[in-house]
Amino acid sequence: MNDAPSRVLYDKYKSIIKEIMSMLSSEQKWKLYETLKNPVKNSIMLRDGLAVNPSAPDPIRTSITLKNIFGHSVSRIRIVGLVNDGVTDNFNKILTCDDCGKDKSFYFSFFNSPDAGRKFAVYQSDIAKQILNGSLTGNNLYPFKLEGYIKKLTKGNVGSKKNDASVKALLQKNFHIAQSELDFVPVTYDGVPCSCCGKPTINHEHKLALYEEINKTKNLWQILEILERNEKIISKNNKFILENFAGILESNPVATQKEVVSELRKVSYERIIKQLEENEKKLNILLSKNTLSETDVSKVKEFIRETKEKFYTFDTNESFPFTKYNNLIRQTIGSCNSHLKTEMIMITKESVRNLCESQSVLFPPFSVVAKLQSQMKPIAQNIINGAVATVDHLIPKSKNGENSIYNCTVMCKDCNFEKSYYSFYYWYKLHPGFKVNVQKYMDFVVNLINKGKLKDYSSYPRVFATRLQKLTDDREKIVLRFRLKKDDSVK
């Protein structure tokens, strides 16, 4: 052992104990694996840290030794890597030390460790403390978003019980922030038309009532009846689920939940593949009509080729890996120099992103499925959840939009997600229907004001309408028409 190179020694040792562990049937075998591996790993790290040229001066040897030892504590960021790869935000990341971050078996050893829940709880607590003392601004949701992703990845096996004082304090802080958003009173009324798609939204109480009704169902037909009765609130992106759900039961009245969910996931994937094919046609049209440099043409063709190779085949038990797809867009089309780069990114990304969001409805967390003892009940609840009224900022807060009622409108949750952090003008170009639907929204709000149900909102229609006019150009300027009580104006 004294003569063996560290990496050779460690790799050989690991391969021996892995081979032995793989032959055991005990559920504790990987805990035993960690128990056998980690002390040796730490000893080798220490030996490497002390392996300094003996002829070097003592201060230099001491300095190098300390750097070697403490160098393993340097932080490294790793993507969690969800089963549902449709997550695009920056909360899908975890911080590790450099040593663990380099370990290819990190996820396996961490998430399969019997102690993983406690380790994550400590990590979550430490992050919460940093957020509360102001060291990590803009990350209030991170500990809880990450926990949700890890729960999904581990099928509910790893999470925290939120008993920690710092975690509780951060939860309370997030609650108060959310409550301050709800000071925009129109969002609390049931039936407000979504200013984007025009469909009526539901408030929180209505959502909970429908959830309870779904929970009490005893078969798939009863779930279908609830969804069909509430069809008017279901977004266009999720209509395909309802339509195919009904079709499956009509053709096979005794279909099991597993069969229905499997078929719906298959249909959702086929929609994505069809969209990828449509995107390819659009890219080829752009290539034929415009002059691109040879380098850019090569990158676009590389994108088309790799999309076919990596994303045209699928497993219905897993959702579309949107993060990998988006990374491919960045590496190929995103590195083009052409003035058409933005247009090509929009063609390839947005349509697939929206379909992936619809597909995610079909992949509820394992913990929720286990709790309800049903796959279709949480899916039905996810569909309903998309109709919940939410507050949207015309100019996103991330782009310095003010957090006042005059910058706010009501959108269903599905449309709000789709709008995300995009600037209003860019998003409006993609959703021209907003021009008609925002008038429906304003009619509803003005009616509430005239009935005295929205106090302190008499100036809202005029200021909001003026803001919309400034945000839209002359050719597509949005002019809202309304009449308030004791007000002779019609614009």
Protein backbone atom coordinates (compact mmCIF):
# COMPACT_ATOMS: atom_id res chain seq x y z
CA MET A 1 0.00 0.00 0.00
CA ASN A 2 2.81 2.43 0.76
CA ASP A 3 4.13 2.12 -2.77
CA ALA A 4 0.79 2.17 -4.61
CA PRO A 5 -0.35 5.45 -6.30
CA SER A 6 -3.31 6.88 -4.41
CA ARG A 7 -5.83 6.85 -7.29
CA VAL A 8 -4.93 3.27 -8.30
CA LEU A 9 -5.21 2.14 -4.70
CA TYR A 10 -8.54 3.84 -4.09
CA ASP A 11 -10.11 2.71 -7.38
CA LYS A 12 -9.06 -0.89 -6.78
CA TYR A 13 -10.41 -0.82 -3.24
CA LYS A 14 -13.75 0.64 -4.37
CA SER A 15 -14.16 -1.92 -7.15
CA ILE A 16 -13.59 -4.77 -4.68
CA ILE A 17 -16.17 -3.61 -2.14
CA LYS A 18 -18.66 -2.67 -4.90
CA GLU A 19 -18.43 -6.17 -6.31
CA ILE A 20 -19.01 -7.65 -2.87
CA MET A 21 -21.90 -5.31 -2.02
CA SER A 22 -23.67 -5.99 -5.32
CA MET A 23 -23.96 -9.67 -4.36
CA LEU A 24 -25.71 -8.91 -1.06
CA SER A 25 -29.49 -8.80 -0.75
CA SER A 26 -29.69 -6.71 2.42
CA GLU A 27 -31.25 -3.24 2.17
CA GLN A 28 -28.35 -2.02 4.30
CA LYS A 29 -25.68 -3.01 1.81
CA TRP A 30 -25.03 0.51 0.49
CA LYS A 31 -24.87 1.89 3.99
CA LEU A 32 -22.18 -0.72 4.64
CA TYR A 33 -20.51 0.32 1.37
CA GLU A 34 -20.28 3.94 2.59
CA THR A 35 -19.00 2.77 5.98
CA LEU A 36 -16.19 0.81 4.31
CA LYS A 37 -15.34 3.38 1.64
CA ASN A 38 -15.30 6.78 3.39
CA PRO A 39 -12.57 6.19 6.01
CA VAL A 40 -10.21 4.88 3.33
CA LYS A 41 -11.08 7.78 1.04
CA ASN A 42 -10.38 10.29 3.80
CA SER A 43 -7.08 8.59 4.68
CA ILE A 44 -5.94 8.76 1.05
CA MET A 45 -6.90 12.43 0.84
CA LEU A 46 -4.85 13.10 3.97
CA ARG A 47 -1.87 11.14 2.65
CA ASP A 48 -1.98 13.05 -0.64
CA GLY A 49 -2.15 16.31 1.26
CA LEU A 50 1.00 15.41 3.19
CA ALA A 51 2.90 14.14 0.15
CA VAL A 52 5.09 17.22 -0.22
CA ASN A 53 8.71 17.32 -1.41
CA PRO A 54 10.71 16.57 1.77
CA SER A 55 13.67 18.66 0.53
CA ALA A 56 11.54 21.85 0.34
CA PRO A 57 11.95 24.46 3.14
CA ASP A 58 9.68 23.84 6.10
CA PRO A 59 7.46 26.98 5.71
CA ILE A 60 6.81 26.08 2.06
CA ARG A 61 6.06 22.44 2.90
CA THR A 62 3.64 23.58 5.64
CA SER A 63 1.93 26.06 3.32
CA ILE A 64 1.50 23.50 0.51
CA THR A 65 0.24 20.86 2.93
CA LEU A 66 -2.44 23.19 4.31
CA LYS A 67 -3.51 24.19 0.78
CA ASN A 68 -3.78 20.54 -0.20
CA ILE A 69 -5.94 19.71 2.80
CA PHE A 70 -8.24 22.73 2.76
CA GLY A 71 -8.47 22.75 -1.03
CA HIS A 72 -11.06 19.97 -0.81
CA SER A 73 -13.44 22.36 0.96
CA VAL A 74 -13.74 24.73 -2.02
CA SER A 75 -17.38 24.99 -3.07
CA ARG A 76 -18.73 23.46 -6.25
CA ILE A 77 -22.22 23.89 -7.76
CA ARG A 78 -23.96 20.85 -9.22
CA ILE A 79 -27.23 20.51 -11.10
CA VAL A 80 -29.62 18.30 -9.15
CA GLY A 81 -30.67 16.49 -12.36
CA LEU A 82 -34.40 15.89 -12.11
CA VAL A 83 -36.40 13.00 -13.47
CA ASN A 84 -38.68 15.81 -14.68
CA ASP A 85 -36.13 17.73 -16.73
CA GLY A 86 -38.52 20.55 -17.58
CA VAL A 87 -37.21 22.73 -14.77
CA THR A 88 -35.40 25.79 -16.10
CA ASP A 89 -34.80 27.98 -13.04
CA ASN A 90 -31.58 28.39 -11.09
CA PHE A 91 -32.95 26.72 -7.95
CA ASN A 92 -32.29 23.30 -9.49
CA LYS A 93 -28.75 23.37 -8.06
CA ILE A 94 -26.98 22.21 -4.91
CA LEU A 95 -23.71 23.32 -3.33
CA THR A 96 -21.10 20.69 -2.50
CA CYS A 97 -17.47 20.69 -1.47
CA ASP A 98 -15.00 20.24 -4.30
CA ASP A 99 -14.22 16.68 -3.28
CA CYS A 100 -17.84 15.48 -3.34
CA GLY A 101 -18.55 17.55 -6.42
CA LYS A 102 -15.96 15.62 -8.42
CA ASP A 103 -17.31 12.26 -7.31
CA LYS A 104 -19.40 10.71 -10.08
CA SER A 105 -21.29 8.64 -7.52
CA PHE A 106 -22.25 11.72 -5.49
CA TYR A 107 -25.98 11.49 -6.19
CA PHE A 108 -26.07 7.78 -5.63
CA SER A 109 -24.16 7.92 -2.36
CA PHE A 110 -25.97 11.00 -1.06
CA PHE A 111 -29.57 10.32 -2.03
CA ASN A 112 -29.39 6.63 -1.18
CA SER A 113 -27.75 7.23 2.16
CA PRO A 114 -29.99 6.44 5.16
CA ASP A 115 -28.77 9.75 6.56
CA ALA A 116 -29.61 11.79 3.44
CA GLY A 117 -32.69 13.39 5.00
CA ARG A 118 -30.73 14.68 7.97
CA LYS A 119 -27.88 15.92 5.77
CA PHE A 120 -30.26 17.83 3.52
CA ALA A 121 -32.07 19.28 6.55
CA VAL A 122 -28.73 20.66 7.81
CA TYR A 123 -27.97 22.10 4.35
CA GLN A 124 -31.45 23.65 4.12
CA SER A 125 -31.08 25.15 7.61
CA ASP A 126 -27.67 26.67 6.83
CA ILE A 127 -28.96 28.24 3.61
CA ALA A 128 -32.05 29.58 5.43
CA LYS A 129 -29.80 31.25 8.03
CA GLN A 130 -27.76 32.94 5.29
CA ILE A 131 -30.92 34.22 3.59
CA LEU A 132 -32.39 35.54 6.84
CA ASN A 133 -29.23 37.47 7.74
CA GLY A 134 -29.16 39.07 4.29
CA SER A 135 -26.14 37.23 2.85
CA LEU A 136 -28.16 35.59 0.05
CA THR A 137 -30.61 38.12 -1.37
CA GLY A 138 -33.22 37.06 -3.91
CA ASN A 139 -33.07 33.40 -2.88
CA ASN A 140 -35.99 33.15 -0.43
CA LEU A 141 -37.59 30.25 -2.28
CA TYR A 142 -34.39 28.30 -2.98
CA PRO A 143 -34.37 25.93 0.06
CA PHE A 144 -37.97 24.89 -0.61
CA LYS A 145 -37.79 24.72 -4.42
CA LEU A 146 -34.67 22.56 -4.14
CA GLU A 147 -36.40 20.31 -1.63
CA GLY A 148 -39.28 19.82 -4.05
CA TYR A 149 -36.89 18.86 -6.86
CA ILE A 150 -34.99 16.43 -4.62
CA LYS A 151 -38.24 14.86 -3.41
CA LYS A 152 -39.22 14.29 -7.02
CA LEU A 153 -35.81 12.87 -7.84
CA THR A 154 -35.87 10.48 -4.86
CA LYS A 155 -39.60 9.71 -5.10
CA GLY A 156 -40.29 11.38 -1.78
CA ASN A 157 -37.55 9.62 0.17
CA VAL A 158 -35.40 12.68 0.88
CA GLY A 159 -36.73 15.90 2.39
CA SER A 160 -36.83 17.82 5.65
CA LYS A 161 -39.54 18.01 8.31
CA LYS A 162 -39.09 21.79 8.60
CA ASN A 163 -38.63 21.67 12.37
CA ASP A 164 -35.58 23.92 12.23
CA ALA A 165 -36.11 27.44 13.62
CA SER A 166 -34.40 29.14 10.65
CA VAL A 167 -36.40 27.17 8.10
CA LYS A 168 -39.65 27.99 9.94
CA ALA A 169 -38.70 31.67 10.06
CA LEU A 170 -37.98 31.72 6.33
CA LEU A 171 -41.29 29.97 5.60
CA GLN A 172 -43.07 32.65 7.61
CA LYS A 173 -41.18 35.38 5.78
CA ASN A 174 -42.16 33.90 2.40
CA PHE A 175 -45.77 33.71 3.55
CA HIS A 176 -45.80 37.42 4.39
CA ILE A 177 -44.20 38.27 1.04
CA ALA A 178 -46.88 36.22 -0.74
CA GLN A 179 -49.58 37.93 1.32
CA SER A 180 -48.29 41.35 0.32
CA GLU A 181 -48.71 40.31 -3.33
CA LEU A 182 -52.33 39.43 -2.60
CA ASP A 183 -53.01 43.05 -1.67
CA PHE A 184 -54.00 43.27 -5.33
CA VAL A 185 -57.65 42.59 -4.46
CA PRO A 186 -59.04 41.59 -7.92
CA VAL A 187 -57.10 38.32 -7.69
CA THR A 188 -59.27 37.20 -4.77
CA TYR A 189 -62.53 37.27 -6.77
CA ASP A 190 -63.77 34.11 -8.45
CA GLY A 191 -64.32 34.16 -12.20
CA VAL A 192 -62.00 37.03 -13.18
CA PRO A 193 -61.11 36.59 -16.91
CA CYS A 194 -57.43 35.90 -17.50
CA SER A 195 -56.06 38.99 -19.25
CA CYS A 196 -53.95 36.71 -21.47
CA CYS A 197 -56.18 33.80 -22.60
CA GLY A 198 -59.55 35.22 -21.55
CA LYS A 199 -60.66 32.11 -19.65
CA PRO A 200 -62.31 32.63 -16.24
CA THR A 201 -59.95 32.04 -13.32
CA ILE A 202 -60.76 30.55 -9.92
CA ASN A 203 -59.72 31.85 -6.51
CA HIS A 204 -57.96 29.86 -3.80
CA GLU A 205 -61.17 28.80 -2.02
CA HIS A 206 -62.71 27.53 -5.27
CA LYS A 207 -59.55 25.55 -6.00
CA LEU A 208 -59.59 23.88 -2.58
CA ALA A 209 -63.26 22.94 -3.03
CA LEU A 210 -62.50 21.27 -6.36
CA TYR A 211 -59.47 19.52 -4.86
CA GLU A 212 -61.69 18.10 -2.12
CA GLU A 213 -64.25 16.97 -4.68
CA ILE A 214 -61.54 15.20 -6.69
CA ASN A 215 -60.19 13.53 -3.53
CA LYS A 216 -63.61 12.00 -2.83
CA THR A 217 -63.98 10.37 -6.26
CA LYS A 218 -64.01 6.58 -6.42
CA ASN A 219 -63.30 5.91 -10.09
CA LEU A 220 -61.91 7.46 -13.26
CA TRP A 221 -65.35 8.36 -14.63
CA GLN A 222 -66.07 10.58 -11.64
CA ILE A 223 -62.73 12.39 -12.12
CA LEU A 224 -63.56 12.88 -15.80
CA GLU A 225 -67.00 14.28 -14.94
CA ILE A 226 -65.46 16.93 -12.65
CA LEU A 227 -62.96 17.99 -15.33
CA GLU A 228 -65.61 18.14 -18.06
CA ARG A 229 -67.91 20.17 -15.80
CA ASN A 230 -65.07 22.68 -15.33
CA GLU A 231 -63.85 22.61 -18.93
CA LYS A 232 -64.25 26.37 -19.34
CA ILE A 233 -61.43 27.06 -16.86
CA ILE A 234 -58.95 24.55 -18.33
CA SER A 235 -56.21 26.20 -20.37
CA LYS A 236 -55.68 25.38 -24.02
CA ASN A 237 -52.30 23.80 -23.15
CA ASN A 238 -54.02 21.20 -20.95
CA LYS A 239 -57.13 20.61 -23.07
CA PHE A 240 -55.37 17.71 -24.79
CA ILE A 241 -55.29 15.83 -21.46
CA LEU A 242 -59.04 16.16 -20.98
CA GLU A 243 -59.84 15.25 -24.59
CA ASN A 244 -57.61 12.16 -24.60
CA PHE A 245 -58.72 11.14 -21.10
CA ALA A 246 -62.33 11.07 -22.33
CA GLY A 247 -61.34 9.22 -25.50
CA ILE A 248 -59.43 6.51 -23.62
CA LEU A 249 -62.36 5.80 -21.28
CA GLU A 250 -64.88 5.75 -24.12
CA SER A 251 -62.84 3.18 -26.03
CA ASN A 252 -62.01 1.18 -22.89
CA PRO A 253 -64.50 1.86 -20.03
CA VAL A 254 -62.61 -0.46 -17.64
CA ALA A 255 -59.15 1.02 -18.27
CA THR A 256 -56.91 1.14 -15.21
CA GLN A 257 -55.27 4.32 -13.95
CA LYS A 258 -51.88 3.00 -15.01
CA GLU A 259 -53.13 2.42 -18.56
CA VAL A 260 -54.73 5.86 -18.77
CA VAL A 261 -51.67 7.70 -17.43
CA SER A 262 -49.33 5.73 -19.70
CA GLU A 263 -51.42 6.61 -22.76
CA LEU A 264 -51.66 10.28 -21.80
CA ARG A 265 -47.89 10.49 -21.35
CA LYS A 266 -47.40 8.87 -24.72
CA VAL A 267 -49.70 11.42 -26.35
CA SER A 268 -47.89 14.29 -24.62
CA TYR A 269 -44.55 13.05 -25.91
CA GLU A 270 -45.93 12.67 -29.44
CA ARG A 271 -47.03 16.30 -29.31
CA ILE A 272 -43.50 17.36 -28.38
CA ILE A 273 -41.93 15.25 -31.15
CA LYS A 274 -44.38 16.74 -33.66
CA GLN A 275 -43.40 20.22 -32.49
CA LEU A 276 -39.70 19.38 -32.88
CA GLU A 277 -40.44 18.35 -36.48
CA GLU A 278 -42.31 21.62 -37.08
CA ASN A 279 -39.40 23.58 -35.64
CA GLU A 280 -37.00 21.78 -37.97
CA LYS A 281 -39.12 22.79 -40.99
CA LYS A 282 -39.11 26.42 -39.85
CA LEU A 283 -35.34 26.39 -39.41
CA ASN A 284 -34.85 24.88 -42.87
CA ILE A 285 -37.05 27.61 -44.37
CA LEU A 286 -34.91 30.26 -42.68
CA LEU A 287 -31.76 28.57 -43.95
CA SER A 288 -33.07 28.51 -47.52
CA LYS A 289 -34.29 32.13 -47.53
CA ASN A 290 -31.42 33.82 -45.74
CA THR A 291 -27.69 33.99 -46.16
CA LEU A 292 -25.86 32.71 -43.09
CA SER A 293 -22.17 32.24 -42.64
CA GLU A 294 -20.84 28.73 -43.15
CA THR A 295 -20.11 28.52 -39.43
CA ASP A 296 -23.70 29.44 -38.49
CA VAL A 297 -25.17 27.06 -41.06
CA SER A 298 -23.01 24.31 -39.59
CA LYS A 299 -24.25 25.09 -36.05
CA VAL A 300 -27.92 25.06 -37.09
CA LYS A 301 -27.45 21.76 -38.90
CA GLU A 302 -25.66 20.37 -35.85
CA PHE A 303 -28.66 21.36 -33.73
CA ILE A 304 -31.10 19.63 -36.12
CA ARG A 305 -28.95 16.49 -36.27
CA GLU A 306 -28.42 16.18 -32.51
CA THR A 307 -32.09 16.90 -31.78
CA LYS A 308 -33.04 13.90 -33.93
CA GLU A 309 -30.41 11.69 -32.33
CA LYS A 310 -31.06 12.62 -28.69
CA PHE A 311 -34.70 13.67 -28.37
CA TYR A 312 -36.81 11.78 -30.93
CA THR A 313 -36.92 8.59 -28.88
CA PHE A 314 -38.61 8.55 -25.50
CA ASP A 315 -39.58 6.60 -22.42
CA THR A 316 -43.15 7.33 -21.31
CA ASN A 317 -42.11 6.87 -17.67
CA GLU A 318 -39.92 9.97 -17.89
CA SER A 319 -40.70 13.49 -19.00
CA PHE A 320 -38.96 15.28 -21.85
CA PRO A 321 -35.43 16.41 -20.79
CA PHE A 322 -35.98 20.10 -21.49
CA THR A 323 -32.85 21.23 -19.64
CA LYS A 324 -30.63 19.14 -21.93
CA TYR A 325 -32.59 20.35 -24.96
CA ASN A 326 -32.18 23.98 -23.87
CA ASN A 327 -28.45 23.44 -23.33
CA LEU A 328 -28.18 22.13 -26.89
CA ILE A 329 -29.90 25.30 -28.14
CA ARG A 330 -27.40 27.44 -26.23
CA GLN A 331 -24.38 25.48 -27.47
CA THR A 332 -25.41 25.55 -31.14
CA ILE A 333 -27.92 28.22 -32.17
CA GLY A 334 -27.09 30.38 -29.16
CA SER A 335 -23.47 30.67 -30.32
CA CYS A 336 -24.41 31.88 -33.82
CA ASN A 337 -23.47 35.40 -34.93
CA SER A 338 -26.41 35.86 -37.31
CA HIS A 339 -29.03 38.59 -36.76
CA LEU A 340 -31.53 35.71 -36.94
CA LYS A 341 -30.18 34.11 -33.77
CA THR A 342 -32.95 35.48 -31.53
CA GLU A 343 -35.65 34.38 -33.95
CA MET A 344 -34.20 30.87 -34.23
CA ILE A 345 -33.96 30.54 -30.44
CA MET A 346 -37.58 31.63 -30.11
CA ILE A 347 -38.67 29.08 -32.75
CA THR A 348 -36.85 26.17 -31.12
CA LYS A 349 -37.32 26.97 -27.44
CA GLU A 350 -40.68 28.57 -26.57
CA SER A 351 -43.05 26.11 -28.23
CA VAL A 352 -41.26 23.12 -26.68
CA ARG A 353 -41.03 24.83 -23.28
CA ASN A 354 -44.81 25.33 -23.19
CA LEU A 355 -45.49 21.71 -24.18
CA CYS A 356 -43.08 20.51 -21.48
CA GLU A 357 -44.96 22.56 -18.90
CA SER A 358 -48.19 20.82 -19.97
CA GLN A 359 -46.44 17.46 -19.84
CA SER A 360 -45.21 18.12 -16.29
CA VAL A 361 -48.86 17.99 -15.19
CA LEU A 362 -48.74 14.25 -15.93
CA PHE A 363 -45.78 13.71 -13.56
CA PRO A 364 -47.03 14.59 -10.06
CA PRO A 365 -44.59 14.04 -7.16
CA PHE A 366 -44.41 10.45 -5.94
CA SER A 367 -45.20 11.60 -2.39
CA VAL A 368 -48.52 13.13 -3.56
CA VAL A 369 -49.42 10.01 -5.56
CA ALA A 370 -48.73 7.88 -2.48
CA LYS A 371 -50.73 10.19 -0.24
CA LEU A 372 -53.82 10.17 -2.50
CA GLN A 373 -53.25 6.53 -3.51
CA SER A 374 -54.02 7.55 -7.07
CA GLN A 375 -52.20 8.77 -10.16
CA MET A 376 -55.13 10.51 -11.86
CA LYS A 377 -56.33 12.50 -8.84
CA PRO A 378 -53.15 14.61 -8.52
CA ILE A 379 -53.07 14.99 -12.33
CA ALA A 380 -56.64 16.30 -12.26
CA GLN A 381 -55.66 18.66 -9.44
CA ASN A 382 -52.67 19.88 -11.46
CA ILE A 383 -55.01 20.67 -14.37
CA ILE A 384 -57.34 22.62 -12.07
CA ASN A 385 -54.39 24.40 -10.46
CA GLY A 386 -53.49 25.95 -13.81
CA ALA A 387 -56.72 27.98 -13.67
CA VAL A 388 -55.99 29.64 -10.31
CA ALA A 389 -55.93 33.46 -10.43
CA THR A 390 -52.43 34.92 -9.96
CA VAL A 391 -50.99 38.42 -9.93
CA ASP A 392 -48.89 39.29 -12.97
CA HIS A 393 -46.71 42.37 -13.28
CA LEU A 394 -46.91 43.92 -16.77
CA ILE A 395 -43.30 45.02 -16.40
CA PRO A 396 -41.68 42.14 -14.46
CA LYS A 397 -40.17 42.98 -11.10
CA SER A 398 -36.96 41.34 -12.36
CA LYS A 399 -36.84 44.13 -14.98
CA ASN A 400 -37.42 46.86 -12.38
CA GLY A 401 -41.21 46.85 -12.69
CA GLU A 402 -42.87 48.57 -9.74
CA ASN A 403 -44.80 46.47 -7.23
CA SER A 404 -47.97 48.56 -7.33
CA ILE A 405 -51.56 47.81 -8.38
CA TYR A 406 -51.08 49.95 -11.52
CA ASN A 407 -48.48 47.52 -12.83
CA CYS A 408 -50.60 44.45 -12.00
CA THR A 409 -53.18 42.38 -13.80
CA VAL A 410 -54.79 38.96 -13.24
CA MET A 411 -53.65 35.92 -15.20
CA CYS A 412 -54.34 32.24 -14.77
CA LYS A 413 -51.38 30.33 -13.37
CA ASP A 414 -50.65 28.66 -16.73
CA CYS A 415 -50.40 31.97 -18.61
CA ASN A 416 -48.40 33.59 -15.82
CA PHE A 417 -45.85 30.77 -15.98
CA GLU A 418 -45.65 31.16 -19.75
CA LYS A 419 -45.07 34.92 -19.49
CA SER A 420 -42.42 34.35 -16.83
CA TYR A 421 -39.79 37.11 -16.74
CA TYR A 422 -40.19 38.20 -20.37
CA SER A 423 -40.60 41.89 -21.14
CA PHE A 424 -44.20 42.82 -21.85
CA TYR A 425 -43.60 43.89 -25.43
CA TYR A 426 -41.77 40.67 -26.39
CA TRP A 427 -44.44 38.53 -24.75
CA TYR A 428 -47.30 40.56 -26.31
CA LYS A 429 -45.90 39.93 -29.78
CA LEU A 430 -46.25 36.21 -29.08
CA HIS A 431 -49.79 36.60 -27.63
CA PRO A 432 -51.79 39.08 -29.74
CA GLY A 433 -55.00 37.72 -28.15
CA PHE A 434 -54.10 39.76 -25.07
CA LYS A 435 -55.48 42.84 -26.83
CA VAL A 436 -59.01 41.38 -26.78
CA ASN A 437 -58.82 39.49 -23.51
CA VAL A 438 -57.47 42.37 -21.42
CA GLN A 439 -60.66 44.26 -22.32
CA LYS A 440 -62.73 41.36 -20.89
CA TYR A 441 -60.61 41.57 -17.76
CA MET A 442 -61.10 45.33 -17.47
CA ASP A 443 -64.88 45.01 -17.97
CA PHE A 444 -65.00 42.58 -15.04
CA VAL A 445 -62.89 44.84 -12.80
CA VAL A 446 -64.84 48.01 -13.69
CA ASN A 447 -68.09 46.18 -12.89
CA LEU A 448 -66.71 45.34 -9.42
CA ILE A 449 -65.65 48.97 -8.93
CA ASN A 450 -69.06 50.27 -9.97
CA LYS A 451 -70.74 47.88 -7.51
CA GLY A 452 -68.53 49.19 -4.71
CA LYS A 453 -66.72 45.87 -4.25
CA LEU A 454 -63.26 47.23 -5.03
CA LYS A 455 -62.58 50.13 -2.73
CA ASP A 456 -59.64 52.41 -3.48
CA TYR A 457 -59.50 51.15 -7.08
CA SER A 458 -61.33 54.04 -8.81
CA SER A 459 -58.09 55.30 -10.38
CA TYR A 460 -56.83 51.84 -11.36
CA PRO A 461 -58.56 51.49 -14.80
CA ARG A 462 -57.34 54.87 -16.07
CA VAL A 463 -53.73 54.52 -14.88
CA PHE A 464 -53.51 50.86 -16.02
CA ALA A 465 -54.93 51.74 -19.47
CA THR A 466 -52.46 54.62 -19.87
CA ARG A 467 -49.59 52.31 -18.98
CA LEU A 468 -50.71 49.75 -21.59
CA GLN A 469 -50.77 52.45 -24.26
CA LYS A 470 -47.20 53.40 -23.44
CA LEU A 471 -46.05 49.78 -23.55
CA THR A 472 -47.48 49.13 -27.03
CA ASP A 473 -46.47 50.79 -30.30
CA ASP A 474 -48.64 52.95 -32.57
CA ARG A 475 -49.60 50.11 -34.92
CA GLU A 476 -50.74 47.80 -32.14
CA LYS A 477 -51.60 50.25 -29.39
CA ILE A 478 -54.01 48.78 -26.82
CA VAL A 479 -56.85 51.20 -26.02
CA LEU A 480 -59.13 50.06 -23.19
CA ARG A 481 -62.72 51.34 -23.13
CA PHE A 482 -64.69 51.55 -19.90
CA ARG A 483 -67.21 53.71 -18.05
CA LEU A 484 -67.04 54.25 -14.32
CA LYS A 485 -69.98 55.49 -12.24
CA LYS A 486 -70.10 59.31 -12.07
CA ASP A 487 -67.59 59.35 -14.90
CA ASP A 488 -68.57 60.57 -18.38
CA SER A 489 -65.38 59.28 -20.03
CA VAL A 490 -65.55 56.27 -22.30
CA LYS A 491 -61.83 55.73 -22.67
